Each structure stands twice: as structure tokens, then as C-alpha cells.
């Protein structure tokens, strides 16, 4: 099935432009993943992304992604468990894209989003600094099917909207929800 969506593109030009939120209920940390993490990442990505129509990624995709020097995946954790995921990609002319950023359902709506985003931004600028000639910008896209507070979280943290587009996405019937959160 083809679904319409409004895609909002946001950017942050400098690390100091980021505006911190309130502290999260538990300390969060990030760990860089390697090829040995592919199976865990496949499962985590599926768990987080199913509510937002994230593209399905195969185990083979993860092996290739994690082997590429211009892409990184970080796992967000509390001291006790995995909390979320950050996928980053260096694009010389565009900066570093936060391709996917999300929290496991048990962490959504509990005050972790702002601090998890801070870790994503920090990781993205650190990745950017390892490359020469990459535009000084971290950017991301969100759409109607993302968490309802996604755009407000990004703009409160200092991201600015630089483009809004109307697009379509193909969603396998097995992935459709009874009442999609998208446009009405």
C-alpha cells in the first residue's frame, strides 16, 4: 500500500547550537556497534521502527552498513538495558545525517528523548570531525508517522526546519496498523 506523508527536514549547524533538555530519569550512554552487533541491531531496529514504518533492514544490510567507514550505529543504553538506536551517515556535501534515531517503546514518553537526542548529536559531530571537507551540519528528517512530539523535541533542542516536502512511501500490507498515526 502507498501512504502519503509530509517530511520535515531539520538541521543543526554547530554543536553549541544544541539546547539541552531536562535530565532523563536514568543515566544514558552510547556504545558504537561493530559487525558483531548485526543481529542485535536487526532486532532493535525492528522493535523501534515498527511503530513508525521504518524501512525493513536485513541482517546482510547491517553487516554492510557496519563495515562502511562513513556510516555508524550507536546503541543508547541505561545501566540496565538497551534503550534506543542512532544510525549516522556522512554525506560530504550535506553533513552528517541522523538516518534513524529512536527509543524502544518502553522508553517513549518517559523523559528520555532530549538526552538521547543530545547523545545522537554529539556522536554525529564526532563522526563529522573525523572526515575532511564535510559540511558542518547535522541533519535529519521526520514525517507524519513519527512520534507526535518528534518535531517539537527537535526544534526545542535547537534544530531548525530547512525544508518540508510531500512524499509517498510503500508499506507492506503486513506492516499496516489499524489506525495509522499519519495525516487524516
Foldseek 3Di string as FASTA:
>chain_A
DKDKKKKWKWKDQALVLFDFDDDAPFDKDKDWDALVCLVVVLVQCCQWCLQQQDDRDDSVNSNVQRVDLQKIKMFMDGVVGTFWIWIWGFDLEPAIEREDTGTGPVRPPRRCVRVSVSNNVVVRQVSRVVDPNRRRMYMYMDIQSDPPCVVVSCVVRRIDTDDMDMDMDDHPPVSDDPDGRGDD
